[in-house]
C-alpha atoms as a PDB file:
ATOM      1  CA  MET A   1      14.102  44.115 -23.234  1.00  0.00           C
ATOM      2  CA  ASN A   2      14.689  40.560 -21.914  1.00  0.00           C
ATOM      3  CA  PHE A   3      15.861  39.729 -18.423  1.00  0.00           C
ATOM      4  CA  GLN A   4      19.514  39.352 -19.347  1.00  0.00           C
ATOM      5  CA  GLU A   5      19.565  42.782 -20.993  1.00  0.00           C
ATOM      6  CA  GLN A   6      17.775  44.379 -18.131  1.00  0.00           C
ATOM      7  CA  ILE A   7      19.996  42.995 -15.313  1.00  0.00           C
ATOM      8  CA  MET A   8      23.229  43.708 -17.222  1.00  0.00           C
ATOM      9  CA  GLN A   9      22.451  47.354 -17.883  1.00  0.00           C
ATOM     10  CA  LYS A  10      25.105  49.687 -16.508  1.00  0.00           C
ATOM     11  CA  ASN A  11      22.912  51.213 -13.834  1.00  0.00           C
ATOM     12  CA  SER A  12      20.784  48.241 -12.883  1.00  0.00           C
ATOM     13  CA  PHE A  13      20.864  47.010  -9.324  1.00  0.00           C
ATOM     14  CA  PRO A  14      20.023  43.301  -8.838  1.00  0.00           C
ATOM     15  CA  LEU A  15      18.368  42.603  -5.523  1.00  0.00           C
ATOM     16  CA  LEU A  16      18.377  38.877  -4.715  1.00  0.00           C
ATOM     17  CA  LEU A  17      16.175  38.183  -1.723  1.00  0.00           C
ATOM     18  CA  GLY A  18      14.616  35.151  -0.117  1.00  0.00           C
ATOM     19  CA  PRO A  19      15.092  32.341   2.362  1.00  0.00           C
ATOM     20  CA  CYS A  20      18.266  30.273   2.613  1.00  0.00           C
ATOM     21  CA  VAL A  21      16.456  27.050   1.676  1.00  0.00           C
ATOM     22  CA  ILE A  22      13.030  25.949   0.567  1.00  0.00           C
ATOM     23  CA  GLU A  23      11.650  24.672   3.914  1.00  0.00           C
ATOM     24  CA  SER A  24       8.099  24.306   2.559  1.00  0.00           C
ATOM     25  CA  GLU A  25       5.882  25.815  -0.053  1.00  0.00           C
ATOM     26  CA  ALA A  26       3.923  27.672   2.653  1.00  0.00           C
ATOM     27  CA  ILE A  27       7.071  29.384   4.050  1.00  0.00           C
ATOM     28  CA  VAL A  28       8.327  30.274   0.551  1.00  0.00           C
ATOM     29  CA  PHE A  29       5.002  31.920  -0.337  1.00  0.00           C
ATOM     30  CA  GLU A  30       4.848  33.745   2.973  1.00  0.00           C
ATOM     31  CA  ILE A  31       8.305  35.282   2.250  1.00  0.00           C
ATOM     32  CA  ALA A  32       7.523  35.959  -1.389  1.00  0.00           C
ATOM     33  CA  LYS A  33       4.314  37.794  -0.427  1.00  0.00           C
ATOM     34  CA  LYS A  34       6.210  39.976   2.063  1.00  0.00           C
ATOM     35  CA  ILE A  35       8.922  40.765  -0.480  1.00  0.00           C
ATOM     36  CA  GLU A  36       6.235  41.680  -2.999  1.00  0.00           C
ATOM     37  CA  SER A  37       4.807  44.066  -0.364  1.00  0.00           C
ATOM     38  CA  ILE A  38       8.249  45.655   0.157  1.00  0.00           C
ATOM     39  CA  LYS A  39       8.692  45.937  -3.612  1.00  0.00           C
ATOM     40  CA  ASN A  40       5.357  47.776  -3.961  1.00  0.00           C
ATOM     41  CA  SER A  41       6.226  50.047  -1.057  1.00  0.00           C
ATOM     42  CA  LEU A  42       9.633  50.975  -2.540  1.00  0.00           C
ATOM     43  CA  ALA A  43       7.906  51.498  -5.911  1.00  0.00           C
ATOM     44  CA  ARG A  44       6.388  54.559  -4.381  1.00  0.00           C
ATOM     45  CA  GLU A  45       9.826  55.770  -3.392  1.00  0.00           C
ATOM     46  CA  LYS A  46      12.533  57.221  -5.591  1.00  0.00           C
ATOM     47  CA  TYR A  47      14.900  54.300  -4.920  1.00  0.00           C
ATOM     48  CA  SER A  48      13.242  51.580  -6.981  1.00  0.00           C
ATOM     49  CA  GLN A  49      13.593  52.733 -10.599  1.00  0.00           C
ATOM     50  CA  ASP A  50      16.578  50.569 -11.513  1.00  0.00           C
ATOM     51  CA  ILE A  51      16.199  47.643  -9.071  1.00  0.00           C
ATOM     52  CA  VAL A  52      15.950  44.187 -10.634  1.00  0.00           C
ATOM     53  CA  TRP A  53      13.966  42.043  -8.186  1.00  0.00           C
ATOM     54  CA  VAL A  54      15.005  38.404  -7.969  1.00  0.00           C
ATOM     55  CA  PHE A  55      13.623  35.772  -5.618  1.00  0.00           C
ATOM     56  CA  LYS A  56      16.188  33.343  -4.248  1.00  0.00           C
ATOM     57  CA  ALA A  57      15.767  30.020  -2.410  1.00  0.00           C
ATOM     58  CA  SER A  58      17.867  26.838  -2.555  1.00  0.00           C
ATOM     59  CA  PHE A  59      16.327  23.582  -3.612  1.00  0.00           C
ATOM     60  CA  ASP A  60      19.272  21.739  -2.232  1.00  0.00           C
ATOM     61  CA  LYS A  61      21.984  22.791   0.226  1.00  0.00           C
ATOM     62  CA  ALA A  62      24.565  20.201  -0.647  1.00  0.00           C
ATOM     63  CA  ASN A  63      27.384  21.585   1.544  1.00  0.00           C
ATOM     64  CA  ARG A  64      25.890  21.284   4.999  1.00  0.00           C
ATOM     65  CA  THR A  65      28.224  21.237   7.983  1.00  0.00           C
ATOM     66  CA  SER A  66      26.725  17.984   9.176  1.00  0.00           C
ATOM     67  CA  ILE A  67      25.162  15.131   7.307  1.00  0.00           C
ATOM     68  CA  ASN A  68      22.115  15.697   9.490  1.00  0.00           C
ATOM     69  CA  GLY A  69      21.646  19.265   8.256  1.00  0.00           C
ATOM     70  CA  PHE A  70      18.436  20.098   6.443  1.00  0.00           C
ATOM     71  CA  ARG A  71      19.055  20.175   2.637  1.00  0.00           C
ATOM     72  CA  GLY A  72      15.721  21.093   1.078  1.00  0.00           C
ATOM     73  CA  PRO A  73      13.196  19.350  -1.150  1.00  0.00           C
ATOM     74  CA  GLY A  74      15.556  18.501  -4.002  1.00  0.00           C
ATOM     75  CA  LEU A  75      15.739  19.589  -7.612  1.00  0.00           C
ATOM     76  CA  LYS A  76      12.396  18.531  -9.000  1.00  0.00           C
ATOM     77  CA  ASN A  77      10.160  19.514  -6.078  1.00  0.00           C
ATOM     78  CA  GLY A  78      12.155  22.619  -5.366  1.00  0.00           C
ATOM     79  CA  LEU A  79      11.903  23.875  -8.982  1.00  0.00           C
ATOM     80  CA  GLU A  80       8.153  23.243  -8.963  1.00  0.00           C
ATOM     81  CA  ILE A  81       7.706  25.554  -5.960  1.00  0.00           C
ATOM     82  CA  LEU A  82       9.970  28.174  -7.371  1.00  0.00           C
ATOM     83  CA  ASN A  83       8.137  28.113 -10.709  1.00  0.00           C
ATOM     84  CA  LYS A  84       4.882  28.748  -8.732  1.00  0.00           C
ATOM     85  CA  VAL A  85       6.528  31.832  -7.184  1.00  0.00           C
ATOM     86  CA  LYS A  86       7.464  33.092 -10.625  1.00  0.00           C
ATOM     87  CA  LYS A  87       3.857  32.563 -11.927  1.00  0.00           C
ATOM     88  CA  ASP A  88       2.135  34.021  -8.892  1.00  0.00           C
ATOM     89  CA  PHE A  89       4.446  36.958  -8.073  1.00  0.00           C
ATOM     90  CA  GLY A  90       6.306  37.697 -11.303  1.00  0.00           C
ATOM     91  CA  PHE A  91       9.804  37.470  -9.751  1.00  0.00           C
ATOM     92  CA  ALA A  92      12.771  36.361 -11.679  1.00  0.00           C
ATOM     93  CA  LEU A  93      14.512  33.415  -9.872  1.00  0.00           C
ATOM     94  CA  VAL A  94      17.883  32.354  -8.709  1.00  0.00           C
ATOM     95  CA  SER A  95      18.986  29.136  -6.987  1.00  0.00           C
ATOM     96  CA  ASP A  96      22.201  27.129  -6.502  1.00  0.00           C
ATOM     97  CA  ILE A  97      23.360  24.355  -8.829  1.00  0.00           C
ATOM     98  CA  HIS A  98      25.900  21.845  -7.553  1.00  0.00           C
ATOM     99  CA  GLU A  99      26.306  19.369 -10.432  1.00  0.00           C
ATOM    100  CA  ILE A 100      26.449  19.484 -14.225  1.00  0.00           C
ATOM    101  CA  SER A 101      23.493  17.113 -14.322  1.00  0.00           C
ATOM    102  CA  GLN A 102      21.292  19.805 -12.732  1.00  0.00           C
ATOM    103  CA  VAL A 103      22.038  22.571 -15.268  1.00  0.00           C
ATOM    104  CA  THR A 104      19.515  21.792 -18.007  1.00  0.00           C
ATOM    105  CA  GLU A 105      16.511  21.232 -15.743  1.00  0.00           C
ATOM    106  CA  ALA A 106      17.306  24.186 -13.504  1.00  0.00           C
ATOM    107  CA  ALA A 107      17.797  26.500 -16.536  1.00  0.00           C
ATOM    108  CA  GLU A 108      14.190  25.737 -17.650  1.00  0.00           C
ATOM    109  CA  VAL A 109      12.881  27.512 -14.507  1.00  0.00           C
ATOM    110  CA  LEU A 110      15.654  29.778 -13.150  1.00  0.00           C
ATOM    111  CA  ASP A 111      16.707  33.137 -14.586  1.00  0.00           C
ATOM    112  CA  ILE A 112      20.039  33.131 -12.729  1.00  0.00           C
ATOM    113  CA  LEU A 113      22.187  30.080 -12.050  1.00  0.00           C
ATOM    114  CA  GLN A 114      24.171  30.412  -8.929  1.00  0.00           C
ATOM    115  CA  ILE A 115      27.520  28.644  -8.309  1.00  0.00           C
ATOM    116  CA  PRO A 116      28.212  28.029  -4.614  1.00  0.00           C
ATOM    117  CA  ALA A 117      31.441  29.433  -3.148  1.00  0.00           C
ATOM    118  CA  PHE A 118      33.054  26.060  -2.554  1.00  0.00           C
ATOM    119  CA  LEU A 119      32.500  25.194  -6.244  1.00  0.00           C
ATOM    120  CA  CYS A 120      33.615  28.534  -7.794  1.00  0.00           C
ATOM    121  CA  ARG A 121      36.691  26.943  -9.422  1.00  0.00           C
ATOM    122  CA  GLN A 122      34.945  23.880 -10.812  1.00  0.00           C
ATOM    123  CA  THR A 123      35.661  24.548 -14.440  1.00  0.00           C
ATOM    124  CA  ASP A 124      33.243  22.012 -15.995  1.00  0.00           C
ATOM    125  CA  LEU A 125      30.342  23.241 -13.831  1.00  0.00           C
ATOM    126  CA  ILE A 126      30.930  26.848 -14.741  1.00  0.00           C
ATOM    127  CA  VAL A 127      31.258  26.071 -18.468  1.00  0.00           C
ATOM    128  CA  ALA A 128      28.103  23.969 -18.431  1.00  0.00           C
ATOM    129  CA  ALA A 129      26.172  26.746 -16.541  1.00  0.00           C
ATOM    130  CA  ALA A 130      27.523  29.438 -18.955  1.00  0.00           C
ATOM    131  CA  GLN A 131      26.431  27.404 -21.983  1.00  0.00           C
ATOM    132  CA  ALA A 132      22.838  27.273 -20.667  1.00  0.00           C
ATOM    133  CA  ASN A 133      22.659  30.935 -21.765  1.00  0.00           C
ATOM    134  CA  LYS A 134      21.511  32.179 -18.310  1.00  0.00           C
ATOM    135  CA  VAL A 135      22.912  34.909 -16.069  1.00  0.00           C
ATOM    136  CA  LEU A 136      25.474  33.497 -13.684  1.00  0.00           C
ATOM    137  CA  ASN A 137      26.005  34.475 -10.116  1.00  0.00           C
ATOM    138  CA  ILE A 138      29.255  32.960  -8.960  1.00  0.00           C
ATOM    139  CA  LYS A 139      29.912  33.068  -5.252  1.00  0.00           C
ATOM    140  CA  LYS A 140      33.539  33.978  -4.631  1.00  0.00           C
ATOM    141  CA  GLY A 141      35.272  31.337  -2.502  1.00  0.00           C
ATOM    142  CA  GLN A 142      36.220  32.279   0.995  1.00  0.00           C
ATOM    143  CA  PHE A 143      39.772  31.199   0.025  1.00  0.00           C
ATOM    144  CA  LEU A 144      40.247  33.527  -2.938  1.00  0.00           C
ATOM    145  CA  SER A 145      41.866  36.936  -3.283  1.00  0.00           C
ATOM    146  CA  PRO A 146      40.090  39.604  -5.347  1.00  0.00           C
ATOM    147  CA  PRO A 147      42.486  39.425  -8.335  1.00  0.00           C
ATOM    148  CA  GLU A 148      41.773  35.729  -8.766  1.00  0.00           C
ATOM    149  CA  ILE A 149      38.149  36.388  -9.720  1.00  0.00           C
ATOM    150  CA  LYS A 150      39.216  37.266 -13.265  1.00  0.00           C
ATOM    151  CA  ASN A 151      40.150  33.659 -13.837  1.00  0.00           C
ATOM    152  CA  ILE A 152      36.670  32.492 -12.775  1.00  0.00           C
ATOM    153  CA  VAL A 153      34.879  34.987 -14.926  1.00  0.00           C
ATOM    154  CA  GLN A 154      37.053  34.212 -17.916  1.00  0.00           C
ATOM    155  CA  LYS A 155      35.892  30.582 -17.895  1.00  0.00           C
ATOM    156  CA  SER A 156      32.309  31.843 -18.488  1.00  0.00           C
ATOM    157  CA  TYR A 157      33.541  34.288 -21.123  1.00  0.00           C
ATOM    158  CA  ASP A 158      35.453  31.622 -23.006  1.00  0.00           C
ATOM    159  CA  ALA A 159      32.233  29.453 -22.935  1.00  0.00           C
ATOM    160  CA  GLY A 160      30.416  32.314 -24.752  1.00  0.00           C
ATOM    161  CA  ASN A 161      28.575  33.898 -21.812  1.00  0.00           C
ATOM    162  CA  GLN A 162      29.463  37.392 -20.502  1.00  0.00           C
ATOM    163  CA  ASN A 163      26.405  37.783 -18.334  1.00  0.00           C
ATOM    164  CA  VAL A 164      28.288  37.088 -15.099  1.00  0.00           C
ATOM    165  CA  PHE A 165      28.310  38.489 -11.565  1.00  0.00           C
ATOM    166  CA  ILE A 166      30.846  37.676  -8.917  1.00  0.00           C
ATOM    167  CA  CYS A 167      29.214  37.481  -5.467  1.00  0.00           C
ATOM    168  CA  GLU A 168      31.399  38.605  -2.549  1.00  0.00           C
ATOM    169  CA  ARG A 169      30.680  36.753   0.712  1.00  0.00           C
ATOM    170  CA  GLY A 170      33.770  37.320   2.833  1.00  0.00           C
ATOM    171  CA  ASN A 171      37.042  35.595   3.338  1.00  0.00           C
ATOM    172  CA  SER A 172      38.126  33.119   5.997  1.00  0.00           C
ATOM    173  CA  PHE A 173      39.621  34.956   8.927  1.00  0.00           C
ATOM    174  CA  GLY A 174      41.157  32.369  11.227  1.00  0.00           C
ATOM    175  CA  TYR A 175      38.791  29.646  12.359  1.00  0.00           C
ATOM    176  CA  ASN A 176      34.987  29.970  12.253  1.00  0.00           C
ATOM    177  CA  ASN A 177      34.966  33.592  11.072  1.00  0.00           C
ATOM    178  CA  LEU A 178      34.773  35.725   7.963  1.00  0.00           C
ATOM    179  CA  VAL A 179      35.858  39.234   7.121  1.00  0.00           C
ATOM    180  CA  VAL A 180      34.897  41.318   4.050  1.00  0.00           C
ATOM    181  CA  ASP A 181      37.691  43.171   2.223  1.00  0.00           C
ATOM    182  CA  MET A 182      35.743  46.161   0.822  1.00  0.00           C
ATOM    183  CA  ARG A 183      38.638  46.901  -1.513  1.00  0.00           C
ATOM    184  CA  MET A 184      37.400  43.965  -3.615  1.00  0.00           C
ATOM    185  CA  PHE A 185      34.572  46.012  -5.157  1.00  0.00           C
ATOM    186  CA  ASP A 186      36.919  48.615  -6.568  1.00  0.00           C
ATOM    187  CA  GLN A 187      39.283  45.894  -7.777  1.00  0.00           C
ATOM    188  CA  ALA A 188      36.406  44.169  -9.620  1.00  0.00           C
ATOM    189  CA  ARG A 189      35.353  47.507 -11.131  1.00  0.00           C
ATOM    190  CA  THR A 190      38.803  48.035 -12.641  1.00  0.00           C
ATOM    191  CA  MET A 191      38.471  44.563 -14.230  1.00  0.00           C
ATOM    192  CA  ASN A 192      34.967  45.453 -15.558  1.00  0.00           C
ATOM    193  CA  ILE A 193      33.372  42.700 -13.423  1.00  0.00           C
ATOM    194  CA  ARG A 194      29.953  43.249 -12.000  1.00  0.00           C
ATOM    195  CA  THR A 195      29.622  42.430  -8.269  1.00  0.00           C
ATOM    196  CA  ILE A 196      26.850  41.345  -5.986  1.00  0.00           C
ATOM    197  CA  PHE A 197      27.375  41.541  -2.163  1.00  0.00           C
ATOM    198  CA  ASP A 198      26.087  38.688  -0.053  1.00  0.00           C
ATOM    199  CA  ALA A 199      25.280  40.589   3.121  1.00  0.00           C
ATOM    200  CA  THR A 200      24.034  37.643   5.157  1.00  0.00           C
ATOM    201  CA  HIS A 201      26.595  34.924   4.482  1.00  0.00           C
ATOM    202  CA  SER A 202      29.329  37.546   5.145  1.00  0.00           C
ATOM    203  CA  CYS A 203      28.277  37.660   8.797  1.00  0.00           C
ATOM    204  CA  GLN A 204      28.175  33.861   9.033  1.00  0.00           C
ATOM    205  CA  LEU A 205      30.394  32.072  11.559  1.00  0.00           C
ATOM    206  CA  PRO A 206      31.169  28.854   9.549  1.00  0.00           C
ATOM    207  CA  GLY A 207      31.056  25.626  11.638  1.00  0.00           C
ATOM    208  CA  ALA A 208      31.060  27.671  14.874  1.00  0.00           C
ATOM    209  CA  GLY A 209      28.134  25.596  16.265  1.00  0.00           C
ATOM    210  CA  GLY A 210      30.059  22.359  16.042  1.00  0.00           C
ATOM    211  CA  ASP A 211      27.619  20.564  13.754  1.00  0.00           C
ATOM    212  CA  LYS A 212      26.242  23.736  12.180  1.00  0.00           C
ATOM    213  CA  SER A 213      27.245  27.261  11.345  1.00  0.00           C
ATOM    214  CA  LEU A 214      26.303  30.286  13.496  1.00  0.00           C
ATOM    215  CA  GLY A 215      26.207  34.002  12.645  1.00  0.00           C
ATOM    216  CA  ASN A 216      25.315  37.502  13.685  1.00  0.00           C
ATOM    217  CA  SER A 217      22.615  38.987  11.544  1.00  0.00           C
ATOM    218  CA  HIS A 218      23.067  42.350  13.254  1.00  0.00           C
ATOM    219  CA  PHE A 219      26.007  43.091  10.983  1.00  0.00           C
ATOM    220  CA  ALA A 220      24.257  42.240   7.697  1.00  0.00           C
ATOM    221  CA  PRO A 221      22.597  45.707   7.119  1.00  0.00           C
ATOM    222  CA  ILE A 222      25.835  47.425   8.254  1.00  0.00           C
ATOM    223  CA  LEU A 223      27.985  45.420   5.808  1.00  0.00           C
ATOM    224  CA  ALA A 224      25.410  45.998   3.010  1.00  0.00           C
ATOM    225  CA  ARG A 225      25.626  49.751   3.470  1.00  0.00           C
ATOM    226  CA  ALA A 226      29.454  49.602   3.433  1.00  0.00           C
ATOM    227  CA  ALA A 227      29.511  47.444   0.290  1.00  0.00           C
ATOM    228  CA  VAL A 228      27.228  49.754  -1.644  1.00  0.00           C
ATOM    229  CA  ALA A 229      29.360  52.714  -0.634  1.00  0.00           C
ATOM    230  CA  ALA A 230      32.433  50.800  -1.800  1.00  0.00           C
ATOM    231  CA  GLY A 231      30.908  50.115  -5.218  1.00  0.00           C
ATOM    232  CA  ALA A 232      28.896  46.848  -5.121  1.00  0.00           C
ATOM    233  CA  THR A 233      26.577  46.673  -8.049  1.00  0.00           C
ATOM    234  CA  GLY A 234      23.926  44.484  -6.505  1.00  0.00           C
ATOM    235  CA  LEU A 235      22.849  42.858  -3.227  1.00  0.00           C
ATOM    236  CA  PHE A 236      22.122  39.300  -2.044  1.00  0.00           C
ATOM    237  CA  ALA A 237      20.403  38.826   1.334  1.00  0.00           C
ATOM    238  CA  GLU A 238      18.635  35.951   2.890  1.00  0.00           C
ATOM    239  CA  THR A 239      15.529  36.728   4.934  1.00  0.00           C
ATOM    240  CA  HIS A 240      12.981  34.794   6.994  1.00  0.00           C
ATOM    241  CA  PRO A 241       9.921  35.768   9.074  1.00  0.00           C
ATOM    242  CA  ARG A 242      11.211  33.714  12.049  1.00  0.00           C
ATOM    243  CA  PRO A 243      14.996  33.262  11.820  1.00  0.00           C
ATOM    244  CA  ASP A 244      15.128  31.441  15.104  1.00  0.00           C
ATOM    245  CA  GLU A 245      13.005  28.702  13.629  1.00  0.00           C
ATOM    246  CA  ALA A 246      14.768  28.571  10.193  1.00  0.00           C
ATOM    247  CA  LEU A 247      16.130  25.174   9.154  1.00  0.00           C
ATOM    248  CA  SER A 248      19.324  26.673   7.654  1.00  0.00           C
ATOM    249  CA  ASP A 249      21.438  29.763   8.368  1.00  0.00           C
ATOM    250  CA  GLY A 250      18.907  31.318  10.661  1.00  0.00           C
ATOM    251  CA  PRO A 251      21.522  33.197  12.794  1.00  0.00           C
ATOM    252  CA  ASN A 252      22.741  35.285   9.869  1.00  0.00           C
ATOM    253  CA  MET A 253      19.410  35.867   8.058  1.00  0.00           C
ATOM    254  CA  ILE A 254      17.676  39.263   8.286  1.00  0.00           C
ATOM    255  CA  LYS A 255      14.238  39.158   9.956  1.00  0.00           C
ATOM    256  CA  ILE A 256      11.898  40.046   7.156  1.00  0.00           C
ATOM    257  CA  ASP A 257      10.132  42.709   9.225  1.00  0.00           C
ATOM    258  CA  LEU A 258      13.384  44.629   9.368  1.00  0.00           C
ATOM    259  CA  LEU A 259      14.235  44.209   5.737  1.00  0.00           C
ATOM    260  CA  GLU A 260      12.463  47.248   4.178  1.00  0.00           C
ATOM    261  CA  ASP A 261      14.129  49.828   6.493  1.00  0.00           C
ATOM    262  CA  ALA A 262      17.492  48.184   5.888  1.00  0.00           C
ATOM    263  CA  LEU A 263      17.009  48.417   2.114  1.00  0.00           C
ATOM    264  CA  LYS A 264      15.898  52.039   2.251  1.00  0.00           C
ATOM    265  CA  THR A 265      18.977  53.104   4.203  1.00  0.00           C
ATOM    266  CA  MET A 266      21.176  51.270   1.742  1.00  0.00           C
ATOM    267  CA  PHE A 267      19.407  52.886  -1.205  1.00  0.00           C
ATOM    268  CA  GLU A 268      19.792  56.301   0.308  1.00  0.00           C
ATOM    269  CA  ILE A 269      23.594  55.764   0.193  1.00  0.00           C
ATOM    270  CA  ARG A 270      23.384  54.569  -3.354  1.00  0.00           C
ATOM    271  CA  GLU A 271      21.474  57.688  -4.382  1.00  0.00           C
ATOM    272  CA  VAL A 272      24.208  59.793  -2.931  1.00  0.00           C
ATOM    273  CA  LEU A 273      26.761  57.896  -5.013  1.00  0.00           C
ATOM    274  CA  LYS A 274      24.668  58.362  -8.159  1.00  0.00           C
ATOM    275  CA  SER A 275      24.254  62.057  -7.689  1.00  0.00           C
ATOM    276  CA  LYS A 276      27.794  63.075  -6.704  1.00  0.00           C
ATOM    277  CA  THR A 277      31.282  62.447  -7.972  1.00  0.00           C
ATOM    278  CA  ILE A 278      33.234  60.558  -5.361  1.00  0.00           C
ATOM    279  CA  ALA A 279      36.889  59.997  -5.894  1.00  0.00           C
ATOM    280  CA  GLY A 280      37.704  56.399  -6.814  1.00  0.00           C
ATOM    281  CA  VAL A 281      34.086  55.221  -7.096  1.00  0.00           C
END
């Protein structure tokens, strides 16, 4: 079974974990090693049988609040670091692409091509990514209602690729705030669209720091539990050993020492859903 078949199985649960951005090779490997340890620990538990482990890190953060915001090492150097992670730890990989010109080179290394939320309606980018024959994780824009996701997914379908996830990351709620409409997951289910919940960006406070975004990572595990209970079919979460020192999105990342317990609680909820018939789920 290849990766696409594995991740698109009905009961598979993609788990996309890693830092917001590639700060350095050393930090990336520190985080990957810890995630590997968590993976091995959960392998001894009943929760891990259908988890698809994916390492995430951005080689470029092209939509920083300020021009002075840290963006990462760029396409070439970033992909080299991610490819080392794949070889050393065996993780599948996901990272953001922002331009059509990045698709071919990124697809040589990445298993999932991720479309950022602000670019989720860029038809040419979605079509080019879909034609690379990779799994797509399309972040749902903060400005879109749940029913509108069918138009985004259809662009990939029409380009010949049905291996698509929509990633929920909250909707704009006034200025500098986001709120998650948990009804989205059931609406997506009725449209036969697989969903991944972005637990950490959903507790971001966009632009609230003036020249940067802020956030409250305390809410990330709480929102993750709620999303799984509501029917999310995968999880995206950014994590870091020292969020206060992170160069991007530190305030909403989960401290990696807290990650395993947060995942276990979420998986316990998922086990209940798998073992019982719950109306509407």
